[in-house]
C-alpha atoms as a PDB file:
ATOM      1  CA  UNK A   1      10.549  19.436 -11.596  1.00  0.00           C
ATOM      2  CA  UNK A   2      12.120  17.190 -14.374  1.00  0.00           C
ATOM      3  CA  UNK A   3      15.259  17.598 -15.711  1.00  0.00           C
ATOM      4  CA  UNK A   4      15.278  16.346 -18.733  1.00  0.00           C
ATOM      5  CA  UNK A   5      19.472  14.806 -20.106  1.00  0.00           C
ATOM      6  CA  UNK A   6      20.336  14.987 -23.443  1.00  0.00           C
ATOM      7  CA  UNK A   7      20.934  11.690 -25.540  1.00  0.00           C
ATOM      8  CA  UNK A   8      24.112  10.488 -24.426  1.00  0.00           C
ATOM      9  CA  UNK A   9      24.650  11.810 -20.826  1.00  0.00           C
ATOM     10  CA  UNK A  10      26.902   9.904 -18.774  1.00  0.00           C
ATOM     11  CA  UNK A  11      26.192   8.806 -15.023  1.00  0.00           C
ATOM     12  CA  UNK A  12      29.202  11.364 -14.009  1.00  0.00           C
ATOM     13  CA  UNK A  13      27.449  14.298 -15.912  1.00  0.00           C
ATOM     14  CA  UNK A  14      24.173  13.530 -14.046  1.00  0.00           C
ATOM     15  CA  UNK A  15      25.626  12.706 -10.750  1.00  0.00           C
ATOM     16  CA  UNK A  16      26.812  16.861 -11.768  1.00  0.00           C
ATOM     17  CA  UNK A  17      23.540  17.494 -12.349  1.00  0.00           C
ATOM     18  CA  UNK A  18      22.187  16.349  -9.233  1.00  0.00           C
ATOM     19  CA  UNK A  19      24.947  17.891  -7.128  1.00  0.00           C
ATOM     20  CA  UNK A  20      24.180  21.191  -8.278  1.00  0.00           C
ATOM     21  CA  UNK A  21      20.162  20.573  -7.914  1.00  0.00           C
ATOM     22  CA  UNK A  22      21.026  19.540  -4.195  1.00  0.00           C
ATOM     23  CA  UNK A  23      23.075  22.563  -3.842  1.00  0.00           C
ATOM     24  CA  UNK A  24      19.601  25.044  -5.014  1.00  0.00           C
ATOM     25  CA  UNK A  25      17.932  22.513  -1.793  1.00  0.00           C
ATOM     26  CA  UNK A  26      16.443  19.861  -4.302  1.00  0.00           C
ATOM     27  CA  UNK A  27      15.604  16.169  -3.146  1.00  0.00           C
ATOM     28  CA  UNK A  28      16.795  14.021  -6.584  1.00  0.00           C
ATOM     29  CA  UNK A  29      15.647  11.058  -8.433  1.00  0.00           C
ATOM     30  CA  UNK A  30      17.171   9.754 -11.210  1.00  0.00           C
ATOM     31  CA  UNK A  31      15.748   7.969 -13.617  1.00  0.00           C
ATOM     32  CA  UNK A  32      18.292   5.908 -16.236  1.00  0.00           C
ATOM     33  CA  UNK A  33      16.053   5.037 -19.504  1.00  0.00           C
ATOM     34  CA  UNK A  34      17.679   3.051 -22.032  1.00  0.00           C
ATOM     35  CA  UNK A  35      17.996   6.455 -24.587  1.00  0.00           C
ATOM     36  CA  UNK A  36      18.126   9.319 -21.956  1.00  0.00           C
ATOM     37  CA  UNK A  37      17.572  10.039 -17.831  1.00  0.00           C
ATOM     38  CA  UNK A  38      15.639  12.258 -16.083  1.00  0.00           C
ATOM     39  CA  UNK A  39      16.213  13.115 -12.807  1.00  0.00           C
ATOM     40  CA  UNK A  40      12.926  14.659 -10.485  1.00  0.00           C
ATOM     41  CA  UNK A  41      13.489  17.250  -8.472  1.00  0.00           C
ATOM     42  CA  UNK A  42      11.676  17.598  -5.110  1.00  0.00           C
ATOM     43  CA  UNK A  43      11.865  21.013  -3.781  1.00  0.00           C
ATOM     44  CA  UNK A  44      10.645  24.619  -3.413  1.00  0.00           C
ATOM     45  CA  UNK A  45      11.350  25.759  -7.057  1.00  0.00           C
ATOM     46  CA  UNK A  46      10.284  29.757  -5.966  1.00  0.00           C
ATOM     47  CA  UNK A  47      13.956  30.314  -4.940  1.00  0.00           C
ATOM     48  CA  UNK A  48      15.822  28.147  -7.670  1.00  0.00           C
ATOM     49  CA  UNK A  49      16.936  29.477 -10.599  1.00  0.00           C
ATOM     50  CA  UNK A  50      16.488  27.258 -13.786  1.00  0.00           C
ATOM     51  CA  UNK A  51      19.122  28.953 -15.795  1.00  0.00           C
ATOM     52  CA  UNK A  52      21.721  27.802 -13.826  1.00  0.00           C
ATOM     53  CA  UNK A  53      20.270  24.125 -14.698  1.00  0.00           C
ATOM     54  CA  UNK A  54      19.701  24.780 -18.202  1.00  0.00           C
ATOM     55  CA  UNK A  55      23.111  26.067 -18.895  1.00  0.00           C
ATOM     56  CA  UNK A  56      24.825  22.631 -18.096  1.00  0.00           C
ATOM     57  CA  UNK A  57      25.727  21.073 -20.780  1.00  0.00           C
ATOM     58  CA  UNK A  58      24.251  17.669 -20.511  1.00  0.00           C
ATOM     59  CA  UNK A  59      20.996  19.504 -20.001  1.00  0.00           C
ATOM     60  CA  UNK A  60      18.343  19.405 -22.599  1.00  0.00           C
ATOM     61  CA  UNK A  61      15.198  20.950 -20.789  1.00  0.00           C
ATOM     62  CA  UNK A  62      13.090  21.223 -17.782  1.00  0.00           C
ATOM     63  CA  UNK A  63       9.598  19.908 -17.238  1.00  0.00           C
ATOM     64  CA  UNK A  64       7.346  21.274 -14.149  1.00  0.00           C
ATOM     65  CA  UNK A  65       5.310  18.645 -12.489  1.00  0.00           C
ATOM     66  CA  UNK A  66       1.826  19.653 -12.476  1.00  0.00           C
ATOM     67  CA  UNK A  67       0.712  17.330  -9.761  1.00  0.00           C
ATOM     68  CA  UNK A  68       0.939  18.270  -5.721  1.00  0.00           C
ATOM     69  CA  UNK A  69       2.217  14.975  -5.431  1.00  0.00           C
ATOM     70  CA  UNK A  70       5.634  14.611  -6.923  1.00  0.00           C
ATOM     71  CA  UNK A  71       6.681  11.407  -6.152  1.00  0.00           C
ATOM     72  CA  UNK A  72       3.565   9.549  -6.007  1.00  0.00           C
ATOM     73  CA  UNK A  73       2.776  10.791  -9.703  1.00  0.00           C
ATOM     74  CA  UNK A  74       3.215   9.118 -12.791  1.00  0.00           C
ATOM     75  CA  UNK A  75       4.766  12.548 -14.338  1.00  0.00           C
ATOM     76  CA  UNK A  76       8.159  11.484 -13.130  1.00  0.00           C
ATOM     77  CA  UNK A  77       7.786   7.594 -12.558  1.00  0.00           C
ATOM     78  CA  UNK A  78       6.219   6.472 -16.167  1.00  0.00           C
ATOM     79  CA  UNK A  79       6.136   2.121 -15.068  1.00  0.00           C
ATOM     80  CA  UNK A  80       3.988   0.673 -12.262  1.00  0.00           C
ATOM     81  CA  UNK A  81       6.328  -0.136  -8.967  1.00  0.00           C
ATOM     82  CA  UNK A  82       6.083  -3.279  -7.719  1.00  0.00           C
ATOM     83  CA  UNK A  83       6.792  -4.030  -4.624  1.00  0.00           C
ATOM     84  CA  UNK A  84       8.843  -6.659  -3.204  1.00  0.00           C
ATOM     85  CA  UNK A  85       8.316  -8.490  -0.637  1.00  0.00           C
ATOM     86  CA  UNK A  86      11.250 -11.259  -0.917  1.00  0.00           C
ATOM     87  CA  UNK A  87      10.746 -15.019  -1.846  1.00  0.00           C
ATOM     88  CA  UNK A  88       8.899 -14.349  -5.140  1.00  0.00           C
ATOM     89  CA  UNK A  89       6.080 -12.579  -3.467  1.00  0.00           C
ATOM     90  CA  UNK A  90       5.526  -9.032  -4.934  1.00  0.00           C
ATOM     91  CA  UNK A  91       2.768  -6.135  -4.987  1.00  0.00           C
ATOM     92  CA  UNK A  92       1.467  -4.660  -8.584  1.00  0.00           C
ATOM     93  CA  UNK A  93       3.280  -7.177 -11.370  1.00  0.00           C
ATOM     94  CA  UNK A  94       0.750  -9.682 -13.237  1.00  0.00           C
ATOM     95  CA  UNK A  95      -0.144 -12.204  -9.929  1.00  0.00           C
ATOM     96  CA  UNK A  96      -3.107 -10.470  -7.635  1.00  0.00           C
ATOM     97  CA  UNK A  97      -1.857 -11.145  -4.635  1.00  0.00           C
ATOM     98  CA  UNK A  98      -3.866 -11.894  -1.494  1.00  0.00           C
ATOM     99  CA  UNK A  99      -3.824 -10.914   2.226  1.00  0.00           C
ATOM    100  CA  UNK A 100      -5.942 -12.611   4.520  1.00  0.00           C
ATOM    101  CA  UNK A 101      -6.805 -13.254   8.106  1.00  0.00           C
ATOM    102  CA  UNK A 102      -8.908 -12.143  11.491  1.00  0.00           C
ATOM    103  CA  UNK A 103      -9.204  -8.436  12.172  1.00  0.00           C
ATOM    104  CA  UNK A 104      -7.824  -9.226  15.247  1.00  0.00           C
ATOM    105  CA  UNK A 105      -4.869 -11.496  16.925  1.00  0.00           C
ATOM    106  CA  UNK A 106      -7.186 -13.490  19.400  1.00  0.00           C
ATOM    107  CA  UNK A 107      -4.660 -16.279  20.607  1.00  0.00           C
ATOM    108  CA  UNK A 108      -1.780 -18.602  19.175  1.00  0.00           C
ATOM    109  CA  UNK A 109      -3.789 -21.709  18.579  1.00  0.00           C
ATOM    110  CA  UNK A 110      -7.009 -20.130  16.763  1.00  0.00           C
ATOM    111  CA  UNK A 111      -4.620 -17.650  14.810  1.00  0.00           C
ATOM    112  CA  UNK A 112      -1.856 -20.570  13.605  1.00  0.00           C
ATOM    113  CA  UNK A 113      -5.118 -21.926  12.292  1.00  0.00           C
ATOM    114  CA  UNK A 114      -6.545 -20.232  10.560  1.00  0.00           C
ATOM    115  CA  UNK A 115      -2.977 -18.849   9.070  1.00  0.00           C
ATOM    116  CA  UNK A 116      -3.183 -22.776   7.739  1.00  0.00           C
ATOM    117  CA  UNK A 117      -6.415 -22.874   6.255  1.00  0.00           C
ATOM    118  CA  UNK A 118      -5.626 -19.185   4.161  1.00  0.00           C
ATOM    119  CA  UNK A 119      -2.507 -20.853   3.171  1.00  0.00           C
ATOM    120  CA  UNK A 120      -3.705 -23.982   1.714  1.00  0.00           C
ATOM    121  CA  UNK A 121      -6.567 -21.776  -0.057  1.00  0.00           C
ATOM    122  CA  UNK A 122      -3.944 -19.378  -1.462  1.00  0.00           C
ATOM    123  CA  UNK A 123      -2.922 -16.436   0.280  1.00  0.00           C
ATOM    124  CA  UNK A 124       0.279 -14.629  -0.415  1.00  0.00           C
ATOM    125  CA  UNK A 125      -0.048 -12.440   2.915  1.00  0.00           C
ATOM    126  CA  UNK A 126      -1.114 -13.149   6.260  1.00  0.00           C
ATOM    127  CA  UNK A 127      -2.848 -10.049   7.673  1.00  0.00           C
ATOM    128  CA  UNK A 128      -3.492  -9.669  11.922  1.00  0.00           C
ATOM    129  CA  UNK A 129      -3.984  -7.240  14.258  1.00  0.00           C
ATOM    130  CA  UNK A 130      -1.972  -6.507  16.928  1.00  0.00           C
ATOM    131  CA  UNK A 131      -2.947  -2.794  17.686  1.00  0.00           C
ATOM    132  CA  UNK A 132      -6.616  -2.621  17.386  1.00  0.00           C
ATOM    133  CA  UNK A 133      -7.783   1.227  16.822  1.00  0.00           C
ATOM    134  CA  UNK A 134     -11.514   0.926  18.166  1.00  0.00           C
ATOM    135  CA  UNK A 135     -14.724   3.965  18.540  1.00  0.00           C
ATOM    136  CA  UNK A 136     -14.879   2.679  21.757  1.00  0.00           C
ATOM    137  CA  UNK A 137     -12.519   2.787  24.167  1.00  0.00           C
ATOM    138  CA  UNK A 138     -13.624  -0.414  26.377  1.00  0.00           C
ATOM    139  CA  UNK A 139     -13.395  -2.612  22.868  1.00  0.00           C
ATOM    140  CA  UNK A 140     -10.478  -4.986  22.725  1.00  0.00           C
ATOM    141  CA  UNK A 141      -7.718  -3.192  21.657  1.00  0.00           C
ATOM    142  CA  UNK A 142      -5.369  -6.032  20.508  1.00  0.00           C
ATOM    143  CA  UNK A 143      -2.717  -8.255  22.022  1.00  0.00           C
ATOM    144  CA  UNK A 144       0.330  -5.753  21.321  1.00  0.00           C
ATOM    145  CA  UNK A 145       3.830  -7.561  21.131  1.00  0.00           C
ATOM    146  CA  UNK A 146       2.446 -10.461  22.250  1.00  0.00           C
ATOM    147  CA  UNK A 147       0.314 -10.512  19.397  1.00  0.00           C
ATOM    148  CA  UNK A 148       3.387  -9.921  17.086  1.00  0.00           C
ATOM    149  CA  UNK A 149       5.292 -12.792  18.565  1.00  0.00           C
ATOM    150  CA  UNK A 150       2.381 -15.108  17.510  1.00  0.00           C
ATOM    151  CA  UNK A 151       2.254 -13.283  13.981  1.00  0.00           C
ATOM    152  CA  UNK A 152       6.381 -13.899  13.438  1.00  0.00           C
ATOM    153  CA  UNK A 153       5.274 -18.152  14.527  1.00  0.00           C
ATOM    154  CA  UNK A 154       3.216 -18.264  12.110  1.00  0.00           C
ATOM    155  CA  UNK A 155       5.201 -17.128   9.653  1.00  0.00           C
ATOM    156  CA  UNK A 156       7.606 -19.488  11.090  1.00  0.00           C
ATOM    157  CA  UNK A 157       5.320 -22.511  10.225  1.00  0.00           C
ATOM    158  CA  UNK A 158       3.326 -21.581   6.753  1.00  0.00           C
ATOM    159  CA  UNK A 159       6.565 -18.980   5.003  1.00  0.00           C
ATOM    160  CA  UNK A 160       3.473 -16.590   5.028  1.00  0.00           C
ATOM    161  CA  UNK A 161       4.314 -12.756   4.893  1.00  0.00           C
ATOM    162  CA  UNK A 162       2.782 -11.008   7.317  1.00  0.00           C
ATOM    163  CA  UNK A 163       1.328  -7.496   7.457  1.00  0.00           C
ATOM    164  CA  UNK A 164      -0.056  -5.324  10.443  1.00  0.00           C
ATOM    165  CA  UNK A 165      -1.015  -2.225  11.693  1.00  0.00           C
ATOM    166  CA  UNK A 166       0.870   0.242  13.879  1.00  0.00           C
ATOM    167  CA  UNK A 167      -1.503   3.129  14.857  1.00  0.00           C
ATOM    168  CA  UNK A 168       1.767   4.966  17.128  1.00  0.00           C
ATOM    169  CA  UNK A 169       5.124   6.429  15.641  1.00  0.00           C
ATOM    170  CA  UNK A 170       6.356   5.346  19.269  1.00  0.00           C
ATOM    171  CA  UNK A 171       5.921   1.744  18.102  1.00  0.00           C
ATOM    172  CA  UNK A 172       7.287   1.778  14.737  1.00  0.00           C
ATOM    173  CA  UNK A 173      10.440   0.391  15.603  1.00  0.00           C
ATOM    174  CA  UNK A 174       9.014  -2.216  17.223  1.00  0.00           C
ATOM    175  CA  UNK A 175       6.696  -3.465  14.888  1.00  0.00           C
ATOM    176  CA  UNK A 176       8.792  -3.328  11.734  1.00  0.00           C
ATOM    177  CA  UNK A 177      11.141  -5.914  13.617  1.00  0.00           C
ATOM    178  CA  UNK A 178       8.229  -8.514  13.335  1.00  0.00           C
ATOM    179  CA  UNK A 179       6.576  -7.980   9.852  1.00  0.00           C
ATOM    180  CA  UNK A 180       7.211  -7.311   6.141  1.00  0.00           C
ATOM    181  CA  UNK A 181       4.168  -4.976   5.460  1.00  0.00           C
ATOM    182  CA  UNK A 182       2.934  -2.259   8.036  1.00  0.00           C
ATOM    183  CA  UNK A 183       0.029  -1.015   7.587  1.00  0.00           C
ATOM    184  CA  UNK A 184      -1.538   2.408   8.107  1.00  0.00           C
ATOM    185  CA  UNK A 185      -5.216   2.736   8.794  1.00  0.00           C
ATOM    186  CA  UNK A 186      -7.731   4.524   7.138  1.00  0.00           C
ATOM    187  CA  UNK A 187      -8.230   6.769  10.651  1.00  0.00           C
ATOM    188  CA  UNK A 188      -4.494   7.757  10.681  1.00  0.00           C
ATOM    189  CA  UNK A 189      -4.075   8.099   6.979  1.00  0.00           C
ATOM    190  CA  UNK A 190      -3.054  11.868   7.794  1.00  0.00           C
ATOM    191  CA  UNK A 191      -1.000  11.266  11.099  1.00  0.00           C
ATOM    192  CA  UNK A 192       2.338  13.154   9.463  1.00  0.00           C
ATOM    193  CA  UNK A 193       4.250  11.973  12.055  1.00  0.00           C
ATOM    194  CA  UNK A 194       3.250   8.306  11.762  1.00  0.00           C
ATOM    195  CA  UNK A 195       3.918   8.692   7.935  1.00  0.00           C
ATOM    196  CA  UNK A 196       7.313  10.049   8.120  1.00  0.00           C
ATOM    197  CA  UNK A 197       8.641   7.807  10.760  1.00  0.00           C
ATOM    198  CA  UNK A 198       7.550   4.817   8.355  1.00  0.00           C
ATOM    199  CA  UNK A 199       8.694   6.536   5.250  1.00  0.00           C
ATOM    200  CA  UNK A 200      12.119   6.682   7.191  1.00  0.00           C
ATOM    201  CA  UNK A 201      12.475   2.901   6.713  1.00  0.00           C
ATOM    202  CA  UNK A 202      12.689   0.669   3.898  1.00  0.00           C
ATOM    203  CA  UNK A 203       9.744  -1.610   4.954  1.00  0.00           C
ATOM    204  CA  UNK A 204       6.566  -1.526   2.403  1.00  0.00           C
ATOM    205  CA  UNK A 205       3.749   0.289   4.056  1.00  0.00           C
ATOM    206  CA  UNK A 206       0.089  -0.471   3.182  1.00  0.00           C
ATOM    207  CA  UNK A 207      -1.684   2.836   2.849  1.00  0.00           C
ATOM    208  CA  UNK A 208      -5.535   2.527   3.936  1.00  0.00           C
ATOM    209  CA  UNK A 209      -7.674   5.564   2.237  1.00  0.00           C
ATOM    210  CA  UNK A 210      -9.155   7.466   4.954  1.00  0.00           C
ATOM    211  CA  UNK A 211     -12.908   7.280   5.852  1.00  0.00           C
ATOM    212  CA  UNK A 212     -13.339  10.907   3.910  1.00  0.00           C
ATOM    213  CA  UNK A 213     -10.536  11.461   2.237  1.00  0.00           C
ATOM    214  CA  UNK A 214     -10.231  12.481  -1.274  1.00  0.00           C
ATOM    215  CA  UNK A 215      -7.887  10.848  -3.957  1.00  0.00           C
ATOM    216  CA  UNK A 216      -5.958  13.286  -3.926  1.00  0.00           C
ATOM    217  CA  UNK A 217      -5.726  13.678   0.088  1.00  0.00           C
ATOM    218  CA  UNK A 218      -4.769  10.062  -0.494  1.00  0.00           C
ATOM    219  CA  UNK A 219      -2.255  10.679  -2.660  1.00  0.00           C
ATOM    220  CA  UNK A 220      -0.445  13.526  -0.616  1.00  0.00           C
ATOM    221  CA  UNK A 221      -0.333  11.040   2.266  1.00  0.00           C
ATOM    222  CA  UNK A 222       1.533   8.903  -0.049  1.00  0.00           C
ATOM    223  CA  UNK A 223       3.855  11.369  -0.694  1.00  0.00           C
ATOM    224  CA  UNK A 224       4.643  12.029   2.957  1.00  0.00           C
ATOM    225  CA  UNK A 225       6.234   8.440   3.349  1.00  0.00           C
ATOM    226  CA  UNK A 226       8.020   8.667   0.483  1.00  0.00           C
ATOM    227  CA  UNK A 227       9.662  12.047   0.710  1.00  0.00           C
ATOM    228  CA  UNK A 228      10.981  10.549   3.178  1.00  0.00           C
ATOM    229  CA  UNK A 229      12.579   7.849   1.094  1.00  0.00           C
ATOM    230  CA  UNK A 230      10.665   4.805   1.341  1.00  0.00           C
ATOM    231  CA  UNK A 231       8.820   4.195  -2.223  1.00  0.00           C
ATOM    232  CA  UNK A 232       7.938   1.159  -1.156  1.00  0.00           C
ATOM    233  CA  UNK A 233       3.995   2.566  -0.851  1.00  0.00           C
ATOM    234  CA  UNK A 234       0.922   0.095  -1.606  1.00  0.00           C
ATOM    235  CA  UNK A 235      -2.519   1.991  -1.742  1.00  0.00           C
ATOM    236  CA  UNK A 236      -5.454   0.603  -0.143  1.00  0.00           C
ATOM    237  CA  UNK A 237      -8.963   1.583  -1.114  1.00  0.00           C
ATOM    238  CA  UNK A 238     -11.268   0.472   2.207  1.00  0.00           C
ATOM    239  CA  UNK A 239     -14.206   2.355   0.966  1.00  0.00           C
ATOM    240  CA  UNK A 240     -15.069   5.808   2.148  1.00  0.00           C
ATOM    241  CA  UNK A 241     -17.858   7.145   4.352  1.00  0.00           C
ATOM    242  CA  UNK A 242     -21.305   8.673   2.368  1.00  0.00           C
ATOM    243  CA  UNK A 243     -24.778   8.732   3.134  1.00  0.00           C
ATOM    244  CA  UNK A 244     -25.302   5.333   2.760  1.00  0.00           C
ATOM    245  CA  UNK A 245     -25.889   2.722   5.839  1.00  0.00           C
ATOM    246  CA  UNK A 246     -26.516  -0.489   3.725  1.00  0.00           C
ATOM    247  CA  UNK A 247     -22.807  -0.857   4.150  1.00  0.00           C
ATOM    248  CA  UNK A 248     -20.283   0.215   6.401  1.00  0.00           C
ATOM    249  CA  UNK A 249     -18.437   2.208   4.070  1.00  0.00           C
ATOM    250  CA  UNK A 250     -19.351   2.655  -0.201  1.00  0.00           C
ATOM    251  CA  UNK A 251     -16.595   1.039  -1.808  1.00  0.00           C
ATOM    252  CA  UNK A 252     -15.343   3.778  -4.787  1.00  0.00           C
ATOM    253  CA  UNK A 253     -14.698   1.233  -7.376  1.00  0.00           C
ATOM    254  CA  UNK A 254     -13.634   4.143  -9.344  1.00  0.00           C
ATOM    255  CA  UNK A 255     -10.302   4.929  -7.267  1.00  0.00           C
ATOM    256  CA  UNK A 256      -9.083   1.775  -8.699  1.00  0.00           C
ATOM    257  CA  UNK A 257      -8.806   2.986 -12.560  1.00  0.00           C
ATOM    258  CA  UNK A 258      -8.293   6.559 -11.108  1.00  0.00           C
ATOM    259  CA  UNK A 259      -4.594   5.607  -9.294  1.00  0.00           C
ATOM    260  CA  UNK A 260      -3.555   3.494 -12.206  1.00  0.00           C
ATOM    261  CA  UNK A 261      -4.177   6.789 -14.217  1.00  0.00           C
ATOM    262  CA  UNK A 262      -2.818   9.015 -11.543  1.00  0.00           C
ATOM    263  CA  UNK A 263       0.326   7.289  -9.854  1.00  0.00           C
ATOM    264  CA  UNK A 264       2.857   4.243 -10.827  1.00  0.00           C
ATOM    265  CA  UNK A 265       1.890   3.131  -7.167  1.00  0.00           C
ATOM    266  CA  UNK A 266       0.065  -0.600  -6.924  1.00  0.00           C
ATOM    267  CA  UNK A 267      -3.363  -0.317  -5.063  1.00  0.00           C
ATOM    268  CA  UNK A 268      -5.487  -3.021  -3.178  1.00  0.00           C
ATOM    269  CA  UNK A 269      -8.652  -3.299  -2.168  1.00  0.00           C
ATOM    270  CA  UNK A 270     -10.321  -3.807   1.191  1.00  0.00           C
ATOM    271  CA  UNK A 271     -14.243  -5.467   0.694  1.00  0.00           C
ATOM    272  CA  UNK A 272     -14.231  -6.255   4.022  1.00  0.00           C
ATOM    273  CA  UNK A 273     -14.465  -3.099   5.576  1.00  0.00           C
ATOM    274  CA  UNK A 274     -16.093  -1.058   2.425  1.00  0.00           C
ATOM    275  CA  UNK A 275     -18.952  -3.690   3.036  1.00  0.00           C
ATOM    276  CA  UNK A 276     -19.240  -4.235   6.635  1.00  0.00           C
ATOM    277  CA  UNK A 277     -21.520  -7.581   6.104  1.00  0.00           C
ATOM    278  CA  UNK A 278     -19.837 -11.085   4.653  1.00  0.00           C
ATOM    279  CA  UNK A 279     -22.118 -11.570   2.010  1.00  0.00           C
ATOM    280  CA  UNK A 280     -21.231  -8.624   0.003  1.00  0.00           C
ATOM    281  CA  UNK A 281     -17.690  -9.235   0.191  1.00  0.00           C
ATOM    282  CA  UNK A 282     -17.347 -11.806  -2.896  1.00  0.00           C
ATOM    283  CA  UNK A 283     -19.197  -9.740  -5.015  1.00  0.00           C
ATOM    284  CA  UNK A 284     -16.860  -6.539  -3.851  1.00  0.00           C
ATOM    285  CA  UNK A 285     -13.853  -8.836  -4.272  1.00  0.00           C
ATOM    286  CA  UNK A 286     -14.942  -9.343  -7.932  1.00  0.00           C
ATOM    287  CA  UNK A 287     -15.722  -6.748  -8.711  1.00  0.00           C
ATOM    288  CA  UNK A 288     -12.530  -5.282  -7.570  1.00  0.00           C
ATOM    289  CA  UNK A 289     -10.513  -8.043 -10.056  1.00  0.00           C
ATOM    290  CA  UNK A 290     -12.126  -7.096 -12.781  1.00  0.00           C
ATOM    291  CA  UNK A 291     -11.087  -3.296 -12.646  1.00  0.00           C
ATOM    292  CA  UNK A 292      -7.705  -3.553 -12.678  1.00  0.00           C
ATOM    293  CA  UNK A 293      -6.877  -3.876  -8.617  1.00  0.00           C
ATOM    294  CA  UNK A 294      -3.201  -5.149  -7.751  1.00  0.00           C
ATOM    295  CA  UNK A 295      -4.313  -7.551  -4.687  1.00  0.00           C
ATOM    296  CA  UNK A 296      -7.556  -7.886  -2.107  1.00  0.00           C
ATOM    297  CA  UNK A 297      -7.303  -7.822   1.813  1.00  0.00           C
ATOM    298  CA  UNK A 298     -10.095 -10.109   3.189  1.00  0.00           C
ATOM    299  CA  UNK A 299     -10.683 -10.793   6.644  1.00  0.00           C
ATOM    300  CA  UNK A 300     -11.364 -14.447   7.275  1.00  0.00           C
ATOM    301  CA  UNK A 301     -12.265 -16.049  10.632  1.00  0.00           C
ATOM    302  CA  UNK A 302     -12.812 -19.956  11.786  1.00  0.00           C
ATOM    303  CA  UNK A 303     -15.480 -18.731  13.976  1.00  0.00           C
ATOM    304  CA  UNK A 304     -16.635 -15.203  12.759  1.00  0.00           C
ATOM    305  CA  UNK A 305     -19.679 -15.147  14.996  1.00  0.00           C
ATOM    306  CA  UNK A 306     -17.695 -15.009  18.089  1.00  0.00           C
ATOM    307  CA  UNK A 307     -14.817 -13.287  16.923  1.00  0.00           C
ATOM    308  CA  UNK A 308     -13.383 -10.738  18.876  1.00  0.00           C
ATOM    309  CA  UNK A 309     -13.337  -7.784  16.206  1.00  0.00           C
ATOM    310  CA  UNK A 310     -15.710  -7.544  12.866  1.00  0.00           C
ATOM    311  CA  UNK A 311     -17.321 -10.577  13.171  1.00  0.00           C
ATOM    312  CA  UNK A 312     -20.125  -9.985  10.784  1.00  0.00           C
ATOM    313  CA  UNK A 313     -17.194  -8.844   7.948  1.00  0.00           C
ATOM    314  CA  UNK A 314     -15.279 -12.010   7.880  1.00  0.00           C
ATOM    315  CA  UNK A 315     -15.244 -14.756   5.941  1.00  0.00           C
ATOM    316  CA  UNK A 316     -15.376 -18.158   7.161  1.00  0.00           C
ATOM    317  CA  UNK A 317     -12.558 -20.629   5.560  1.00  0.00           C
ATOM    318  CA  UNK A 318     -14.547 -22.163   3.377  1.00  0.00           C
ATOM    319  CA  UNK A 319     -16.044 -19.311   1.883  1.00  0.00           C
ATOM    320  CA  UNK A 320     -12.918 -17.707   1.431  1.00  0.00           C
ATOM    321  CA  UNK A 321     -11.755 -20.729  -0.423  1.00  0.00           C
ATOM    322  CA  UNK A 322     -14.629 -20.464  -2.444  1.00  0.00           C
ATOM    323  CA  UNK A 323     -14.228 -16.828  -3.524  1.00  0.00           C
ATOM    324  CA  UNK A 324     -10.446 -17.708  -4.785  1.00  0.00           C
ATOM    325  CA  UNK A 325     -11.866 -20.250  -6.679  1.00  0.00           C
ATOM    326  CA  UNK A 326     -14.408 -17.721  -8.210  1.00  0.00           C
ATOM    327  CA  UNK A 327     -11.853 -15.046  -8.501  1.00  0.00           C
ATOM    328  CA  UNK A 328      -9.375 -17.051 -11.165  1.00  0.00           C
ATOM    329  CA  UNK A 329     -11.433 -16.825 -14.240  1.00  0.00           C
ATOM    330  CA  UNK A 330     -11.811 -13.222 -13.677  1.00  0.00           C
ATOM    331  CA  UNK A 331      -7.920 -12.459 -13.118  1.00  0.00           C
ATOM    332  CA  UNK A 332      -7.485 -14.541 -16.385  1.00  0.00           C
ATOM    333  CA  UNK A 333      -9.725 -12.393 -18.133  1.00  0.00           C
ATOM    334  CA  UNK A 334      -8.069  -9.297 -17.537  1.00  0.00           C
ATOM    335  CA  UNK A 335      -4.767 -10.959 -17.797  1.00  0.00           C
ATOM    336  CA  UNK A 336      -3.551 -11.513 -14.700  1.00  0.00           C
ATOM    337  CA  UNK A 337      -3.365 -14.565 -12.261  1.00  0.00           C
ATOM    338  CA  UNK A 338      -4.141 -14.864  -8.845  1.00  0.00           C
END
């Protein structure tokens, strides 16, 4: 529920209301406005007597939160969230961020080369997989901590922020020491133990939509992270499974608009996994920017035909550069930069 305080209520009065709500079993999230303060109270309201709160002198009213995802909803947070990675890199602001790099880290020399190229062509964040959950147990599974060390070396040289996937709750503590954003992949969107583990940190989390997840299920997954205290969540639409076989997945471009309406969280799009084919990636990237996405995550490899993972959907650096230039007027047309 949302507790609205009277105009002129002091922080001391707000603290008293918070303490009473905590006594009743709620988590509290105060938002201090220019005129009024509201307190988001998250918990099981069935056992709480609202009259106790309404009787407090500084309380004006109580409103229910209608959505099942409380913290991810716009009902509490009206202002869009901007996730700050430091050094001027933010997700959710005017600038559309781009995350680029290979699906999997294959070796230090190759990864450093691609890091330099995507940096030159305008990437803000370097992506790369150190732990690779694959459909086949016989496929390349990643370099694990050695891959994280290679990523760290690339950041030291280029200054790019790092994003990589974490697949096991036991690895969260290790991975977050190396990177700036923890990615939860589509297959793990409802791995609630993993969501809670990354929620216990402050490291930003990139949460990909599950293969067949509804938007509500996706936002409830974000709620798991946020309920543990980590509000730095970035949503990623990466296509959903449908009956269509010409593409790897079907990009749900409408999800961008729906998320913007229902949630304050930033949303980016992954046109690489959505399409499964490099020739489709530019069109989907352009459509995503036009639809209002806050960023893109694109697979880029210097030799896609010999990539150890997802080469068929990876752009070569020259095509990535061409795409970045083509995106600029589209971003400008929707009041953004790239």
